[in-house]
Protein backbone atom coordinates (compact mmCIF):
# COMPACT_ATOMS: atom_id res chain seq x y z
CA MET A 1 -0.14 -0.08 -0.05
CA GLU A 2 1.52 3.37 -0.94
CA TYR A 3 1.21 5.73 2.04
CA LYS A 4 1.24 9.60 1.83
CA HIS A 5 1.42 11.57 5.06
CA TYR A 6 0.83 15.40 5.03
CA SER A 7 1.70 17.08 8.13
CA THR A 8 -1.03 19.75 9.56
CA LYS A 9 -0.77 22.75 11.26
CA SER A 10 0.67 22.79 15.10
CA LYS A 11 0.26 19.07 15.22
CA ILE A 12 2.95 15.92 15.40
CA SER A 13 1.35 13.24 13.64
CA PHE A 14 1.35 9.62 15.39
CA THR A 15 -0.83 6.67 15.66
CA GLY A 16 -1.67 5.04 19.14
CA LYS A 17 0.01 6.45 22.48
CA LEU A 18 2.87 8.98 22.51
CA SER A 19 6.11 6.99 22.98
CA LEU A 20 8.31 8.21 25.83
CA TRP A 21 10.95 9.55 23.98
CA LEU A 22 8.40 12.01 21.97
CA ILE A 23 7.07 13.03 25.12
CA PHE A 24 10.77 13.85 26.36
CA ILE A 25 11.35 15.79 23.03
CA LEU A 26 7.90 17.85 23.56
CA LEU A 27 8.85 18.29 27.03
CA SER A 28 12.47 19.65 26.09
CA PHE A 29 10.65 22.38 23.81
CA TYR A 30 8.34 23.31 26.94
CA ASN A 31 10.89 23.80 29.23
CA THR A 32 13.14 25.87 27.08
CA GLY A 33 10.15 28.25 26.30
CA ILE A 34 10.55 27.55 22.41
CA SER A 35 7.38 27.49 20.21
CA GLN A 36 7.88 25.04 17.34
CA ASP A 37 5.54 25.31 14.53
CA ASP A 38 4.82 22.52 11.87
CA CYS A 39 7.17 22.41 9.16
CA GLY A 40 4.37 21.13 6.27
CA THR A 41 6.56 18.02 5.84
CA GLU A 42 5.14 15.05 3.73
CA LEU A 43 6.51 11.30 3.52
CA GLU A 44 5.43 8.88 0.85
CA GLY A 45 6.14 5.09 0.72
CA SER A 46 4.66 1.45 1.24
CA THR A 47 3.14 0.57 4.32
CA PHE A 48 2.81 -2.89 3.47
CA VAL A 49 6.01 -4.97 2.23
CA CYS A 50 7.37 -8.40 1.96
CA PRO A 51 10.03 -10.00 3.99
CA SER A 52 13.58 -8.87 2.53
CA GLU A 53 11.84 -6.33 0.40
CA ILE A 54 13.97 -2.98 -0.40
CA SER A 55 11.76 0.09 -0.13
CA VAL A 56 12.30 3.61 -1.13
CA TYR A 57 10.39 6.31 1.03
CA GLN A 58 10.29 9.79 -0.17
CA ALA A 59 10.18 12.95 1.93
CA THR A 60 9.25 16.78 1.07
CA ARG A 61 10.63 19.40 3.02
CA GLY A 62 7.77 22.03 4.17
CA ILE A 63 10.81 24.54 4.83
CA ALA A 64 13.74 25.15 2.27
CA GLY A 65 17.34 24.04 3.74
CA SER A 66 15.86 22.15 6.86
CA THR A 67 17.45 19.37 8.61
CA LEU A 68 15.80 15.93 7.71
CA ASN A 69 16.29 12.94 9.88
CA TRP A 70 15.44 9.24 9.33
CA ALA A 71 15.41 6.04 11.77
CA VAL A 72 13.57 2.70 11.54
CA TRP A 73 12.42 1.04 14.95
CA GLY A 74 12.59 -2.56 14.26
CA GLY A 75 11.68 -4.77 11.31
CA GLY A 76 14.53 -3.01 9.15
CA VAL A 77 17.28 -0.90 8.39
CA ILE A 78 17.81 2.11 6.40
CA THR A 79 20.73 1.25 3.83
CA SER A 80 21.31 4.47 2.14
CA LEU A 81 19.99 8.02 2.04
CA THR A 82 20.54 10.64 -0.85
CA ASN A 83 22.58 13.52 -0.38
CA ASP A 84 20.01 15.85 0.08
CA ASN A 85 18.43 13.62 2.65
CA THR A 86 15.07 13.63 1.19
CA THR A 87 15.41 9.96 0.21
CA ALA A 88 15.60 6.82 2.12
CA THR A 89 16.18 3.09 1.12
CA VAL A 90 14.87 0.59 3.62
CA GLN A 91 15.92 -2.99 3.61
CA TRP A 92 13.20 -4.94 5.52
CA GLY A 93 13.93 -8.11 7.45
CA ASN A 94 13.36 -11.55 6.63
CA ASN A 95 10.80 -12.34 9.11
CA SER A 96 7.11 -11.04 8.98
CA GLY A 97 5.34 -8.89 11.97
CA GLY A 98 5.05 -5.33 12.69
CA PRO A 99 3.51 -2.88 12.54
CA PHE A 100 7.40 -1.55 12.76
CA ARG A 101 7.74 2.49 12.78
CA LEU A 102 9.61 4.49 10.14
CA VAL A 103 10.32 8.10 11.82
CA LEU A 104 11.17 11.32 9.79
CA THR A 105 11.76 14.19 11.46
CA GLU A 106 12.21 17.96 9.84
CA SER A 107 13.42 21.01 11.96
CA ASP A 108 15.23 24.47 11.36
CA GLY A 109 14.96 26.01 14.51
CA THR A 110 11.79 27.59 14.00
CA CYS A 111 9.52 24.28 13.15
CA LEU A 112 9.73 20.74 14.10
CA THR A 113 7.52 17.93 12.33
CA THR A 114 7.99 14.05 13.35
CA ILE A 115 6.31 11.65 11.20
CA GLU A 116 5.68 8.01 12.12
CA MET A 117 5.15 5.63 9.19
CA LEU A 118 3.73 2.32 10.36
CA VAL A 119 5.00 -0.63 8.23
CA VAL A 120 3.99 -4.20 8.34
CA VAL A 121 6.14 -6.84 7.08
CA GLU A 122 3.42 -9.28 5.45
CA ASN A 123 3.47 -13.10 6.25
CA THR A 124 4.42 -15.43 3.53
CA ASN A 125 2.44 -18.78 5.06
CA ILE A 126 -0.94 -17.63 4.56
CA THR A 127 -4.17 -19.28 2.95
CA LEU A 128 -6.57 -17.33 0.88
CA VAL A 129 -10.37 -18.10 1.11
CA CYS A 130 -12.49 -16.73 -1.66
CA ASN A 131 -16.24 -16.14 -1.81
CA ASP A 132 -17.78 -18.75 -4.19
CA GLN A 133 -19.86 -15.94 -6.00
CA VAL A 134 -20.49 -12.22 -5.79
CA ASN A 135 -22.74 -10.08 -7.07
CA VAL A 136 -21.35 -6.98 -8.52
CA PRO A 137 -23.40 -4.26 -9.95
CA LEU A 138 -21.83 -1.51 -12.15
CA ASP A 139 -21.66 2.13 -11.23
CA GLN A 140 -23.20 5.06 -13.46
CA ASP A 141 -20.51 5.10 -15.88
CA CYS A 142 -21.42 1.30 -16.84
CA ARG A 143 -18.26 -0.18 -14.96
CA ALA A 144 -16.98 -1.42 -11.95
CA LEU A 145 -13.65 -1.65 -10.45
CA ILE A 146 -13.01 -5.59 -9.06
CA THR A 147 -11.04 -5.23 -5.88
CA PRO A 148 -9.65 -8.15 -3.64
CA ASP A 149 -11.73 -7.08 -0.61
CA MET A 150 -14.94 -7.80 -2.75
CA VAL A 151 -13.91 -11.59 -3.33
CA LEU A 152 -11.75 -12.66 -0.34
CA GLU A 153 -13.24 -13.71 2.91
CA ALA A 154 -11.40 -11.88 5.86
CA PRO A 155 -8.39 -10.42 3.78
CA LEU A 156 -5.27 -9.88 6.16
CA TYR A 157 -4.06 -6.88 4.13
CA GLU A 158 -4.92 -3.99 2.14
CA ASP A 159 -5.85 -4.58 -1.59
CA ASP A 160 -2.20 -3.29 -2.93
CA SER A 161 -1.16 -6.75 -1.43
CA TYR A 162 -3.14 -8.86 -3.81
CA GLN A 163 -3.05 -8.97 -7.78
CA ILE A 164 -6.47 -9.57 -9.64
CA THR A 165 -6.98 -11.29 -12.61
CA LEU A 166 -10.11 -11.38 -14.64
CA ALA A 167 -11.16 -13.86 -17.26
CA ASP A 168 -14.79 -14.17 -19.05
CA GLU A 169 -17.13 -17.31 -18.92
CA ASN A 170 -14.83 -19.11 -21.37
CA PHE A 171 -11.59 -18.05 -19.58
CA ASN A 172 -10.65 -15.65 -22.04
CA PRO A 173 -8.35 -12.88 -20.22
CA ILE A 174 -10.23 -9.58 -19.41
CA ILE A 175 -7.41 -6.68 -19.63
CA GLY A 176 -7.51 -4.80 -16.35
CA ALA A 177 -9.21 -5.08 -13.05
CA TYR A 178 -12.70 -3.57 -14.78
CA VAL A 179 -16.18 -5.09 -15.69
CA THR A 180 -18.22 -3.14 -17.98
CA SER A 181 -21.74 -3.40 -19.66
CA ASP A 182 -20.47 -5.97 -22.10
CA HIS A 183 -20.19 -8.32 -19.10
CA VAL A 184 -23.79 -7.48 -17.62
CA GLY A 185 -25.56 -10.76 -16.92
CA LYS A 186 -22.64 -12.77 -17.41
CA LEU A 187 -20.33 -14.51 -14.74
CA VAL A 188 -16.69 -13.18 -14.68
CA ASN A 189 -14.12 -15.64 -13.35
CA VAL A 190 -12.06 -13.84 -10.72
CA THR A 191 -8.25 -15.05 -9.36
CA VAL A 192 -6.81 -13.22 -6.54
CA GLU A 193 -3.07 -13.90 -5.78
CA HIS A 194 -1.03 -12.64 -2.45
CA LEU A 195 1.85 -11.36 -4.08
CA CYS A 196 4.56 -11.79 -0.96
CA SER A 197 3.50 -15.64 -0.69
CA GLY A 198 2.08 -16.57 -3.96
CA ALA A 199 -0.96 -18.06 -2.47
CA SER A 200 -4.12 -17.55 -4.36
CA CYS A 201 -7.91 -18.57 -4.51
CA CYS A 202 -10.68 -18.20 -7.34
CA SER A 203 -14.30 -16.90 -7.59
CA LYS A 204 -16.79 -15.84 -9.92
CA ILE A 205 -18.61 -12.73 -9.94
CA ARG A 206 -22.10 -11.84 -11.48
CA VAL A 207 -22.30 -8.47 -13.35
CA GLN A 208 -25.35 -6.46 -12.67
CA TYR A 209 -26.73 -3.19 -13.46
CA ASN A 210 -28.41 -2.27 -10.06
CA TYR A 211 -29.44 1.46 -10.82
CA ALA A 212 -33.52 1.60 -10.74
CA PRO A 213 -34.63 2.29 -14.40
CA GLY A 214 -35.72 6.25 -15.16
CA LEU A 215 -38.96 7.16 -15.97
CA SER A 216 -40.30 10.28 -16.91
CA CYS A 217 -43.90 10.88 -16.80
CA ARG A 218 -45.61 14.09 -18.05
CA ASP A 219 -46.90 16.59 -15.36
CA ASP A 220 -49.64 18.13 -17.79
CA VAL A 221 -52.54 16.22 -18.78
CA ILE A 222 -52.40 14.47 -21.85
CA GLU A 223 -55.58 15.08 -24.02
CA VAL A 224 -57.09 13.10 -26.64
CA GLY A 225 -60.18 12.59 -28.42
CA CYS A 226 -63.10 10.64 -26.76
CA THR A 227 -62.85 8.14 -29.16
CA ALA A 228 -59.31 7.88 -29.86
CA ASN A 229 -56.77 5.37 -28.93
CA ASN A 230 -55.29 6.14 -25.34
CA LYS A 231 -52.63 3.05 -25.37
CA PRO A 232 -48.98 4.38 -25.15
CA GLU A 233 -48.50 3.16 -28.79
CA ASN A 234 -50.52 5.97 -29.66
CA PRO A 235 -47.52 8.97 -30.32
CA LEU A 236 -49.97 11.31 -28.98
CA VAL A 237 -50.00 9.49 -25.38
CA GLY A 238 -46.45 7.88 -25.40
CA PHE A 239 -44.24 6.04 -22.97
CA PRO A 240 -42.54 8.05 -20.46
CA LEU A 241 -39.26 6.83 -21.61
CA PRO A 242 -36.44 8.63 -23.75
CA LEU A 243 -36.12 9.14 -27.36
CA ASN A 244 -34.57 6.09 -29.36
CA SER A 245 -35.44 3.52 -26.59
CA THR A 246 -36.39 -0.13 -27.60
CA ILE A 247 -39.67 -0.94 -26.67
CA ILE A 248 -40.97 -5.05 -27.15
CA SER A 249 -44.67 -5.25 -26.41
CA LEU A 250 -45.34 -8.49 -24.29
CA GLY A 251 -48.90 -8.22 -24.07
CA ASN A 252 -51.23 -7.60 -20.84
CA LEU A 253 -50.29 -4.33 -20.81
CA SER A 254 -46.11 -4.92 -20.45
CA TYR A 255 -43.22 -4.40 -22.05
CA GLN A 256 -39.35 -5.13 -22.40
CA VAL A 257 -37.33 -2.11 -22.70
CA THR A 258 -33.78 -1.02 -23.32
CA VAL A 259 -32.72 2.72 -22.83
CA PRO A 260 -30.13 4.34 -24.24
CA GLY A 261 -27.24 5.31 -21.60
CA GLN A 262 -28.21 2.96 -19.42
CA CYS A 263 -25.27 0.33 -20.08
CA GLY A 264 -27.55 -1.57 -22.53
CA ALA A 265 -29.31 -3.24 -19.65
CA SER A 266 -32.98 -4.00 -20.29
CA PHE A 267 -35.66 -3.73 -17.90
CA HIS A 268 -39.55 -4.70 -17.70
CA LEU A 269 -41.98 -2.34 -17.90
CA ARG A 270 -45.77 -2.26 -17.22
CA TYR A 271 -48.89 -0.13 -16.53
CA ALA A 272 -52.12 0.06 -14.46
CA ASP A 273 -54.86 2.25 -15.23
CA GLU A 274 -57.77 3.83 -12.99
CA VAL A 275 -60.63 5.56 -15.25
CA GLU A 276 -62.65 8.25 -13.48
CA GLU A 277 -65.99 9.35 -15.65
CA MET A 278 -66.42 12.93 -15.17
CA ASP A 279 -69.51 15.21 -14.99
CA CYS A 280 -70.61 17.43 -17.59
CA GLY A 281 -68.88 20.45 -15.99
CA SER A 282 -65.47 18.73 -16.99
CA PRO A 283 -63.45 19.41 -20.16
CA TYR A 284 -63.09 15.32 -19.95
CA LYS A 285 -65.57 12.68 -20.21
CA TYR A 286 -63.04 10.48 -18.46
CA LEU A 287 -59.71 11.12 -16.39
CA ILE A 288 -57.17 8.16 -16.75
CA THR A 289 -54.63 7.72 -14.33
CA ARG A 290 -51.79 5.74 -15.35
CA THR A 291 -49.19 4.53 -13.05
CA TRP A 292 -46.03 3.08 -14.61
CA TYR A 293 -43.76 0.06 -12.79
CA ALA A 294 -40.27 -0.58 -14.14
CA THR A 295 -38.29 -3.15 -12.73
CA ASN A 296 -34.69 -4.26 -13.44
CA GLY A 297 -32.92 -7.27 -13.32
CA ALA A 298 -31.69 -6.71 -9.67
CA GLY A 299 -35.45 -6.01 -8.51
CA ARG A 300 -35.24 -2.49 -8.03
CA VAL A 301 -38.47 -0.56 -9.06
CA THR A 302 -39.47 2.65 -10.35
CA THR A 303 -42.49 4.23 -10.50
CA CYS A 304 -44.32 7.84 -11.80
CA SER A 305 -47.91 8.56 -12.96
CA GLU A 306 -49.45 10.75 -15.43
CA GLN A 307 -53.30 11.54 -16.62
CA ILE A 308 -54.68 11.28 -19.86
CA GLY A 309 -57.76 13.23 -20.32
CA MET A 310 -60.41 11.73 -22.62
CA LEU A 311 -62.23 14.82 -24.47
CA TRP A 312 -66.02 15.21 -24.72
CA GLY A 313 -67.13 14.43 -28.32
CA THR A 314 -67.93 17.57 -30.52
CA PHE A 315 -71.32 18.24 -31.85
CA SER A 316 -71.76 20.39 -35.07
CA PRO A 317 -75.30 21.87 -35.42
CA ALA A 318 -77.56 20.76 -38.49
CA ASN A 319 -77.51 22.88 -41.18
CA PHE A 320 -81.12 23.40 -42.76
CA SER A 321 -82.35 25.07 -45.63
CA PRO A 322 -84.11 28.73 -44.77
CA HIS A 323 -87.16 27.17 -46.58
CA TYR A 324 -86.96 23.66 -45.11
CA ASP A 325 -91.08 24.07 -44.23
CA GLY A 326 -91.75 24.44 -48.03
CA LEU A 327 -93.25 27.35 -47.61
CA THR A 328 -92.23 30.50 -49.38
CA GLN A 329 -91.87 33.63 -47.78
């Protein structure tokens, strides 16, 4: 795991209780009455390493020309420092254990920063256990990053301590650690390997699109003639879906739908109508409340409602001849 520490104002960073030596340093500055500000030091490097690994740690001074001092407390030794003391090379021991402390101190007489990085030397005698199958949803960008902690049961170390390998249902390699919309509804083979020990295990993931389908019902009343077709196939009525959606009728007021921009995933769409007969004061003879239900493969449901107004029929007055009675004026 790559670690990066940014020091903060008026604070010496540490994990756990202050050790006696750090208390002594703080008391020394207190007794002399010297106020030491934070230098703004940064430290980067690996916090999980393999036995005998050679690791490089990089410091960034907060104050130009300041003094940098390094120390390792257990587990390894510093084998070299660059001339400006900003880069330390550490040879870690043969035995697993830790956490061990890598300590960096920056000072220039006006500021003091001490950073402790905790480093674990990983065990090489471990057994990995993978879950049999994991369901993985795609995100809104139609992809998902497969990480070791998704697959492993009770992993001992951070994700960077493992390597993920993916393959499709036919064991053809998938480049990288991402699955996409191409894998929706399919099983993907996963192998996880612990880098320090070489131990590995296998699992399968089923890729899903779990975001609820989006529907967009109209706010205004959809008006159609009293004898017109009020079904959604009528373009004047329509479906609560984006343009260019693929709609396949399944009968019984239900459809199979694929919407552009939703990772190519299809969902089930149906509707139910409530019909109210209106009185003469209403512009509509019937008012239909149509409720839509969209259900994706993961069982997530979206609903929306809209209204369809069936207009009264219009009557044209009869046109009679002015002499309809057969009498002349």
